């Protein structure tokens, strides 16, 4: 009887899934606060581009076990402690769930990564973001 109770208890307890920071590296897209948004994650920083604002923002971040901590990257925030953002749930290699959104990995030469590093011009990136946003919202 004890073995049965212990087995049921252990199978019902929440297991923390550790997320490797390398898993986040690259380009992602999703709907954030009702707006199509693209993300580019690199070591220690990520950028996000929201269609509603029309520009990108840079943030410092850190992954600890299954949680993301972040803060806007401004000179005055460089010494501030990162703030808890969300638990991360890895669905598969191309999908990540947070408490706010579901992100999908995308691969395209016209990406936020290439726009951030000036490998493509902003107008070209913006035009392609609008195309992806329209297609994503149509099929979502």
N, C-alpha and C. Protein backbone atom coordinates (compact mmCIF):
# COMPACT_ATOMS: atom_id res chain seq x y z
N UNK A 1 0.83 -1.20 0.00
CA UNK A 1 0.00 0.00 0.00
C UNK A 1 0.87 1.26 0.00
N UNK A 2 1.92 1.27 0.84
CA UNK A 2 2.82 2.43 0.90
C UNK A 2 3.46 2.70 -0.45
N UNK A 3 3.87 1.65 -1.15
CA UNK A 3 4.52 1.80 -2.46
C UNK A 3 3.54 2.42 -3.45
N UNK A 4 2.29 2.00 -3.41
CA UNK A 4 1.27 2.55 -4.30
C UNK A 4 1.05 4.03 -4.03
N UNK A 5 0.95 4.43 -2.77
CA UNK A 5 0.75 5.84 -2.40
C UNK A 5 1.96 6.67 -2.80
N UNK A 6 3.16 6.15 -2.54
CA UNK A 6 4.38 6.87 -2.90
C UNK A 6 4.48 7.04 -4.41
N UNK A 7 4.13 6.02 -5.17
CA UNK A 7 4.17 6.11 -6.64
C UNK A 7 3.20 7.16 -7.15
N UNK A 8 1.99 7.17 -6.63
CA UNK A 8 0.99 8.16 -7.04
C UNK A 8 1.46 9.56 -6.68
N UNK A 9 1.98 9.74 -5.47
CA UNK A 9 2.46 11.06 -5.03
C UNK A 9 3.58 11.56 -5.93
N UNK A 10 4.55 10.71 -6.21
CA UNK A 10 5.69 11.12 -7.04
C UNK A 10 5.29 11.41 -8.47
N UNK A 11 4.33 10.67 -9.01
CA UNK A 11 3.91 10.91 -10.38
C UNK A 11 3.08 12.18 -10.51
N UNK A 12 2.45 12.63 -9.43
CA UNK A 12 1.63 13.84 -9.45
C UNK A 12 2.42 15.10 -9.11
N UNK A 13 3.58 14.93 -8.52
CA UNK A 13 4.35 16.13 -8.14
C UNK A 13 4.92 16.80 -9.39
N UNK A 14 4.96 18.13 -9.36
CA UNK A 14 5.43 18.91 -10.49
C UNK A 14 6.94 18.79 -10.59
N UNK A 15 7.42 18.37 -11.74
CA UNK A 15 8.85 18.26 -11.97
C UNK A 15 9.32 19.49 -12.73
N UNK A 16 10.34 20.14 -12.22
CA UNK A 16 10.90 21.31 -12.87
C UNK A 16 11.70 20.86 -14.09
N UNK A 17 11.40 21.42 -15.25
CA UNK A 17 12.13 21.09 -16.46
C UNK A 17 13.17 22.16 -16.70
N UNK A 18 14.42 21.78 -16.60
CA UNK A 18 15.50 22.74 -16.82
C UNK A 18 15.61 23.05 -18.30
N UNK A 19 15.66 24.34 -18.62
CA UNK A 19 15.78 24.80 -20.00
C UNK A 19 17.21 25.29 -20.21
N UNK A 20 17.87 24.77 -21.19
CA UNK A 20 19.23 25.22 -21.51
C UNK A 20 19.15 26.59 -22.17
N UNK A 21 20.00 27.53 -21.75
CA UNK A 21 20.00 28.85 -22.42
C UNK A 21 20.26 28.74 -23.92
N UNK A 22 20.99 27.72 -24.35
CA UNK A 22 21.25 27.53 -25.77
C UNK A 22 19.97 27.23 -26.56
N UNK A 23 18.99 26.66 -25.90
CA UNK A 23 17.72 26.35 -26.55
C UNK A 23 17.06 27.61 -27.11
N UNK A 24 17.21 28.73 -26.41
CA UNK A 24 16.55 29.97 -26.83
C UNK A 24 17.24 30.67 -27.99
N UNK A 25 18.50 30.39 -28.22
CA UNK A 25 19.27 31.12 -29.22
C UNK A 25 18.59 31.05 -30.59
N UNK A 26 18.50 32.22 -31.24
CA UNK A 26 17.92 32.27 -32.58
C UNK A 26 16.69 33.16 -32.63
N UNK A 27 15.92 32.99 -33.69
CA UNK A 27 14.76 33.82 -33.98
C UNK A 27 13.45 33.10 -33.68
N UNK A 28 12.53 33.83 -33.06
CA UNK A 28 11.23 33.31 -32.65
C UNK A 28 10.15 34.32 -33.03
N UNK A 29 8.91 33.86 -33.10
CA UNK A 29 7.78 34.76 -33.34
C UNK A 29 6.59 34.31 -32.51
N UNK A 30 5.66 35.23 -32.29
CA UNK A 30 4.46 34.93 -31.53
C UNK A 30 3.57 36.15 -31.41
N UNK A 31 2.50 36.00 -30.68
CA UNK A 31 1.58 37.11 -30.42
C UNK A 31 1.77 37.53 -28.97
N UNK A 32 2.14 38.78 -28.74
CA UNK A 32 2.36 39.31 -27.40
C UNK A 32 1.43 40.50 -27.21
N UNK A 33 0.62 40.46 -26.16
CA UNK A 33 -0.35 41.53 -25.90
C UNK A 33 -1.18 41.84 -27.13
N UNK A 34 -1.57 40.82 -27.87
CA UNK A 34 -2.42 40.99 -29.05
C UNK A 34 -1.71 41.45 -30.30
N UNK A 35 -0.39 41.60 -30.25
CA UNK A 35 0.36 42.10 -31.39
C UNK A 35 1.41 41.08 -31.84
N UNK A 36 1.53 40.89 -33.15
CA UNK A 36 2.56 40.01 -33.69
C UNK A 36 3.92 40.56 -33.27
N UNK A 37 4.79 39.67 -32.74
CA UNK A 37 6.09 40.08 -32.23
C UNK A 37 7.14 39.06 -32.66
N UNK A 38 8.33 39.57 -33.02
CA UNK A 38 9.45 38.69 -33.32
C UNK A 38 10.54 38.91 -32.28
N UNK A 39 11.28 37.83 -31.99
CA UNK A 39 12.33 37.85 -30.99
C UNK A 39 13.61 37.31 -31.59
N UNK A 40 14.73 37.84 -31.13
CA UNK A 40 16.04 37.29 -31.45
C UNK A 40 16.79 37.15 -30.13
N UNK A 41 17.13 35.91 -29.77
CA UNK A 41 17.87 35.62 -28.54
C UNK A 41 19.32 35.32 -28.88
N UNK A 42 20.23 35.96 -28.14
CA UNK A 42 21.64 35.63 -28.18
C UNK A 42 22.08 35.47 -26.73
N UNK A 43 23.34 35.18 -26.49
CA UNK A 43 23.82 35.02 -25.12
C UNK A 43 23.57 36.30 -24.32
N UNK A 44 22.86 36.20 -23.23
CA UNK A 44 22.63 37.28 -22.26
C UNK A 44 21.69 38.40 -22.71
N UNK A 45 21.37 38.50 -23.98
CA UNK A 45 20.50 39.58 -24.47
C UNK A 45 19.46 39.01 -25.43
N UNK A 46 18.30 39.66 -25.45
CA UNK A 46 17.36 39.38 -26.53
C UNK A 46 16.75 40.69 -26.99
N UNK A 47 16.29 40.66 -28.23
CA UNK A 47 15.64 41.81 -28.85
C UNK A 47 14.23 41.36 -29.22
N UNK A 48 13.29 42.26 -29.12
CA UNK A 48 11.96 41.94 -29.64
C UNK A 48 11.45 43.11 -30.45
N UNK A 49 10.75 42.74 -31.53
CA UNK A 49 10.19 43.71 -32.46
C UNK A 49 8.68 43.51 -32.47
N UNK A 50 7.96 44.53 -32.10
CA UNK A 50 6.51 44.46 -32.08
C UNK A 50 5.95 45.24 -33.26
N UNK A 51 5.04 44.61 -34.00
CA UNK A 51 4.42 45.28 -35.14
C UNK A 51 3.68 46.53 -34.67
N UNK A 52 3.07 46.47 -33.50
CA UNK A 52 2.29 47.64 -33.02
C UNK A 52 3.18 48.84 -32.71
N UNK A 53 4.42 48.61 -32.27
CA UNK A 53 5.30 49.74 -31.96
C UNK A 53 6.22 50.10 -33.13
N UNK A 54 6.52 49.14 -33.99
CA UNK A 54 7.34 49.40 -35.16
C UNK A 54 8.82 49.56 -34.88
N UNK A 55 9.27 49.13 -33.71
CA UNK A 55 10.71 49.18 -33.43
C UNK A 55 11.09 48.02 -32.53
N UNK A 56 12.39 47.84 -32.32
CA UNK A 56 12.82 46.75 -31.45
C UNK A 56 13.40 47.30 -30.16
N UNK A 57 13.36 46.44 -29.15
CA UNK A 57 13.84 46.75 -27.81
C UNK A 57 14.84 45.69 -27.41
N UNK A 58 15.88 46.10 -26.71
CA UNK A 58 16.92 45.17 -26.24
C UNK A 58 16.77 44.95 -24.75
N UNK A 59 16.87 43.68 -24.34
CA UNK A 59 16.77 43.32 -22.93
C UNK A 59 17.90 42.37 -22.55
N UNK A 60 18.36 42.49 -21.31
CA UNK A 60 19.26 41.49 -20.74
C UNK A 60 18.39 40.39 -20.18
N UNK A 61 18.87 39.16 -20.24
CA UNK A 61 18.09 38.06 -19.67
C UNK A 61 19.01 36.97 -19.15
N UNK A 62 18.40 36.10 -18.37
CA UNK A 62 19.09 34.94 -17.83
C UNK A 62 18.05 33.85 -17.63
N UNK A 63 18.43 32.63 -17.93
CA UNK A 63 17.57 31.47 -17.68
C UNK A 63 18.13 30.74 -16.49
N UNK A 64 17.27 30.51 -15.50
CA UNK A 64 17.63 29.73 -14.31
C UNK A 64 16.64 28.58 -14.21
N UNK A 65 17.13 27.38 -14.37
CA UNK A 65 16.30 26.17 -14.36
C UNK A 65 15.21 26.29 -15.41
N UNK A 66 13.97 26.55 -15.00
CA UNK A 66 12.86 26.64 -15.95
C UNK A 66 12.26 28.05 -15.99
N UNK A 67 13.03 29.05 -15.54
CA UNK A 67 12.50 30.41 -15.43
C UNK A 67 13.38 31.43 -16.15
N UNK A 68 12.72 32.46 -16.70
CA UNK A 68 13.44 33.55 -17.33
C UNK A 68 13.35 34.79 -16.46
N UNK A 69 14.49 35.45 -16.33
CA UNK A 69 14.59 36.72 -15.63
C UNK A 69 15.09 37.73 -16.66
N UNK A 70 14.56 38.97 -16.60
CA UNK A 70 14.95 39.95 -17.61
C UNK A 70 14.86 41.37 -17.08
N UNK A 71 15.46 42.31 -17.83
CA UNK A 71 15.36 43.73 -17.54
C UNK A 71 15.74 44.47 -18.81
N UNK A 72 15.12 45.63 -19.03
CA UNK A 72 15.48 46.46 -20.18
C UNK A 72 16.96 46.80 -20.12
N UNK A 73 17.61 46.82 -21.26
CA UNK A 73 19.04 47.10 -21.29
C UNK A 73 19.28 48.58 -21.57
N UNK A 74 19.36 49.35 -20.51
CA UNK A 74 19.72 50.76 -20.57
C UNK A 74 20.95 50.96 -19.70
N UNK A 75 21.76 51.97 -19.97
CA UNK A 75 22.93 52.19 -19.11
C UNK A 75 22.57 52.29 -17.63
N UNK A 76 21.44 52.90 -17.33
CA UNK A 76 21.07 53.05 -15.92
C UNK A 76 20.54 51.76 -15.29
N UNK A 77 20.25 50.72 -16.08
CA UNK A 77 19.77 49.45 -15.51
C UNK A 77 20.84 48.37 -15.51
N UNK A 78 22.03 48.66 -15.97
CA UNK A 78 23.07 47.64 -16.11
C UNK A 78 23.45 46.98 -14.79
N UNK A 79 23.33 47.70 -13.69
CA UNK A 79 23.70 47.13 -12.39
C UNK A 79 22.49 46.64 -11.60
N UNK A 80 21.31 46.81 -12.16
CA UNK A 80 20.10 46.37 -11.47
C UNK A 80 19.91 44.86 -11.60
N UNK A 81 19.21 44.31 -10.63
CA UNK A 81 18.91 42.89 -10.59
C UNK A 81 17.86 42.55 -11.65
N UNK A 82 18.05 41.43 -12.32
CA UNK A 82 17.06 40.97 -13.29
C UNK A 82 15.77 40.60 -12.57
N UNK A 83 14.63 40.85 -13.22
CA UNK A 83 13.32 40.58 -12.63
C UNK A 83 12.72 39.31 -13.23
N UNK A 84 12.02 38.56 -12.40
CA UNK A 84 11.35 37.35 -12.88
C UNK A 84 10.36 37.72 -13.98
N UNK A 85 10.36 36.97 -15.07
CA UNK A 85 9.42 37.21 -16.17
C UNK A 85 8.42 36.07 -16.29
N UNK A 86 8.91 34.84 -16.40
CA UNK A 86 7.99 33.74 -16.63
C UNK A 86 8.68 32.39 -16.45
N UNK A 87 7.85 31.40 -16.17
CA UNK A 87 8.28 30.00 -16.26
C UNK A 87 8.30 29.66 -17.74
N UNK A 88 9.28 28.91 -18.18
CA UNK A 88 9.38 28.50 -19.57
C UNK A 88 9.02 27.03 -19.69
N UNK A 89 8.21 26.70 -20.68
CA UNK A 89 7.83 25.32 -20.94
C UNK A 89 8.22 24.98 -22.37
N UNK A 90 9.17 24.09 -22.49
CA UNK A 90 9.63 23.66 -23.81
C UNK A 90 8.63 22.64 -24.36
N UNK A 91 7.98 22.99 -25.45
CA UNK A 91 7.03 22.06 -26.08
C UNK A 91 7.79 21.08 -26.97
N UNK A 92 8.61 21.62 -27.84
CA UNK A 92 9.52 20.83 -28.66
C UNK A 92 10.64 21.76 -29.11
N UNK A 93 11.43 21.35 -30.08
CA UNK A 93 12.58 22.17 -30.50
C UNK A 93 12.18 23.49 -31.15
N UNK A 94 10.93 23.59 -31.57
CA UNK A 94 10.49 24.78 -32.30
C UNK A 94 9.35 25.53 -31.63
N UNK A 95 8.99 25.16 -30.43
CA UNK A 95 7.90 25.84 -29.73
C UNK A 95 8.24 25.97 -28.25
N UNK A 96 8.00 27.17 -27.72
CA UNK A 96 8.26 27.48 -26.32
C UNK A 96 7.05 28.21 -25.75
N UNK A 97 6.59 27.78 -24.60
CA UNK A 97 5.44 28.42 -23.96
C UNK A 97 5.90 29.20 -22.74
N UNK A 98 5.39 30.43 -22.61
CA UNK A 98 5.59 31.23 -21.41
C UNK A 98 4.20 31.47 -20.83
N UNK A 99 4.12 32.16 -19.72
CA UNK A 99 2.79 32.42 -19.15
C UNK A 99 2.03 33.45 -19.98
N UNK A 100 2.71 34.15 -20.89
CA UNK A 100 2.08 35.20 -21.67
C UNK A 100 1.83 34.83 -23.12
N UNK A 101 2.63 33.92 -23.66
CA UNK A 101 2.54 33.64 -25.09
C UNK A 101 3.15 32.30 -25.43
N UNK A 102 2.93 31.89 -26.67
CA UNK A 102 3.61 30.74 -27.25
C UNK A 102 4.50 31.27 -28.35
N UNK A 103 5.77 30.90 -28.30
CA UNK A 103 6.73 31.34 -29.30
C UNK A 103 7.06 30.18 -30.23
N UNK A 104 7.24 30.51 -31.51
CA UNK A 104 7.58 29.53 -32.53
C UNK A 104 8.90 29.94 -33.18
N UNK A 105 9.82 29.00 -33.28
CA UNK A 105 11.11 29.27 -33.91
C UNK A 105 10.87 29.48 -35.41
N UNK A 106 11.57 30.45 -35.98
CA UNK A 106 11.52 30.61 -37.43
C UNK A 106 12.91 30.80 -37.99
N UNK A 107 13.06 30.40 -39.23
CA UNK A 107 14.34 30.53 -39.93
C UNK A 107 14.07 31.25 -41.24
N UNK A 108 14.69 32.40 -41.38
CA UNK A 108 14.52 33.22 -42.58
C UNK A 108 15.72 34.15 -42.64
N UNK A 109 16.27 34.36 -43.81
CA UNK A 109 17.43 35.26 -43.92
C UNK A 109 17.02 36.71 -43.63
N UNK A 110 15.75 37.02 -43.77
CA UNK A 110 15.26 38.36 -43.44
C UNK A 110 14.67 38.26 -42.02
N UNK A 111 15.57 38.31 -41.04
CA UNK A 111 15.22 38.06 -39.65
C UNK A 111 15.57 39.25 -38.78
N UNK A 112 15.05 39.24 -37.56
CA UNK A 112 15.40 40.28 -36.61
C UNK A 112 16.90 40.26 -36.33
N UNK A 113 17.46 39.09 -36.23
CA UNK A 113 18.92 38.98 -36.02
C UNK A 113 19.69 39.75 -37.09
N UNK A 114 19.33 39.55 -38.34
CA UNK A 114 20.04 40.23 -39.43
C UNK A 114 19.74 41.72 -39.47
N UNK A 115 18.57 42.14 -39.04
CA UNK A 115 18.27 43.57 -38.95
C UNK A 115 19.06 44.23 -37.82
N UNK A 116 19.12 43.57 -36.67
CA UNK A 116 19.88 44.11 -35.53
C UNK A 116 21.34 44.32 -35.90
N UNK A 117 21.91 43.37 -36.63
CA UNK A 117 23.33 43.45 -37.01
C UNK A 117 23.56 44.12 -38.37
N UNK A 118 22.54 44.84 -38.86
CA UNK A 118 22.65 45.61 -40.12
C UNK A 118 23.07 44.77 -41.32
N UNK A 119 22.69 43.51 -41.32
CA UNK A 119 22.97 42.67 -42.49
C UNK A 119 21.90 42.87 -43.56
N UNK A 120 20.76 43.41 -43.14
CA UNK A 120 19.67 43.78 -44.06
C UNK A 120 19.17 45.15 -43.62
N UNK A 121 18.53 45.86 -44.53
CA UNK A 121 18.04 47.19 -44.16
C UNK A 121 16.68 47.08 -43.46
N UNK A 122 16.38 48.08 -42.67
CA UNK A 122 15.17 48.09 -41.84
C UNK A 122 13.91 47.98 -42.70
N UNK A 123 13.84 48.69 -43.82
CA UNK A 123 12.63 48.67 -44.65
C UNK A 123 12.34 47.26 -45.18
N UNK A 124 13.39 46.56 -45.59
CA UNK A 124 13.24 45.20 -46.07
C UNK A 124 12.75 44.29 -44.94
N UNK A 125 13.34 44.44 -43.77
CA UNK A 125 12.91 43.65 -42.61
C UNK A 125 11.45 43.94 -42.27
N UNK A 126 11.11 45.21 -42.18
CA UNK A 126 9.75 45.60 -41.80
C UNK A 126 8.72 45.06 -42.79
N UNK A 127 9.01 45.15 -44.06
CA UNK A 127 8.10 44.62 -45.09
C UNK A 127 7.87 43.13 -44.90
N UNK A 128 8.94 42.39 -44.63
CA UNK A 128 8.82 40.95 -44.43
C UNK A 128 8.16 40.58 -43.11
N UNK A 129 8.35 41.41 -42.10
CA UNK A 129 7.63 41.19 -40.83
C UNK A 129 6.13 41.29 -41.08
N UNK A 130 5.71 42.28 -41.83
CA UNK A 130 4.28 42.45 -42.12
C UNK A 130 3.74 41.25 -42.89
N UNK A 131 4.53 40.72 -43.82
CA UNK A 131 4.13 39.53 -44.57
C UNK A 131 4.00 38.32 -43.64
N UNK A 132 5.00 38.13 -42.76
CA UNK A 132 4.94 37.00 -41.82
C UNK A 132 3.79 37.16 -40.84
N UNK A 133 3.58 38.39 -40.37
CA UNK A 133 2.49 38.65 -39.41
C UNK A 133 1.15 38.29 -40.02
N UNK A 134 0.94 38.70 -41.25
CA UNK A 134 -0.32 38.41 -41.94
C UNK A 134 -0.52 36.90 -42.09
N UNK A 135 0.53 36.20 -42.51
CA UNK A 135 0.44 34.75 -42.69
C UNK A 135 0.25 34.04 -41.35
N UNK A 136 0.97 34.49 -40.32
CA UNK A 136 0.89 33.85 -39.01
C UNK A 136 -0.51 34.01 -38.42
N UNK A 137 -1.05 35.20 -38.47
CA UNK A 137 -2.37 35.46 -37.90
C UNK A 137 -3.46 34.74 -38.69
N UNK A 138 -3.26 34.54 -39.97
CA UNK A 138 -4.23 33.84 -40.82
C UNK A 138 -4.32 32.37 -40.43
N UNK A 139 -3.16 31.76 -40.16
CA UNK A 139 -3.12 30.32 -39.88
C UNK A 139 -3.12 29.98 -38.40
N UNK A 140 -3.05 30.95 -37.55
CA UNK A 140 -3.01 30.71 -36.10
C UNK A 140 -4.37 30.41 -35.56
